[in-house]
Amino acid sequence: MKKRRQNKDRELGYRSIYRTYIIDDGWQEVPKEVIEVIDLKIERAWEEAYIQVCRERNKHKGKWLTKKACLKYEAKSWIYRVLNDNQYEGKVREIGLQLQKEYGVTEVEAINIMNGRNVNDYLEKYYKMKNKIPLHFYAQDICNEVLDEYRQGVI
């Protein structure tokens, strides 16, 4: 059942995402076989990245992070830091632990969220995880690597 669902997710439009790359120069000289190798390597890398993001999603505990939640925890921690001369003591630590438990973020992410740093990066990370979009996948890099191998005569 799970495997069918993953295949269905892939068929619903992810193909256009992982098949997007540009052959910069000399594209007319590249044989069809090399383009097929590029497509195959990209598809394999996409499947590995997809499986990895599905595993991460299954490990996630708690609610999904939102902008509203980030602002709420940033405001809470700011109030207690002002009261305690910008020190991470007592109540601010409790707020960080509460954020970690409620939204499943790491300690570093919780500290950064409470300080208002890198919030958009964390929101994007958890949005991609929630919607099973691979976090790190660069089809263009794979394409360039295969083309370099082709030009050097390795392929």
Foldseek 3Di string as FASTA:
>chain_A
DVVVVLVVLCVPPCLVVLLDADDDPDPVVDDPVLSVVLSVVSVVVQVVLLVVLQVVLVPWDADFDDPVVLVVLLVVLVVVCVVVVNDCDDPNVVSLVVCCRHHVDDSVVSVCSNPVHPPVVSNVSRVCSVVSNRDDHDSHVSSVVSVVCVVVPVD
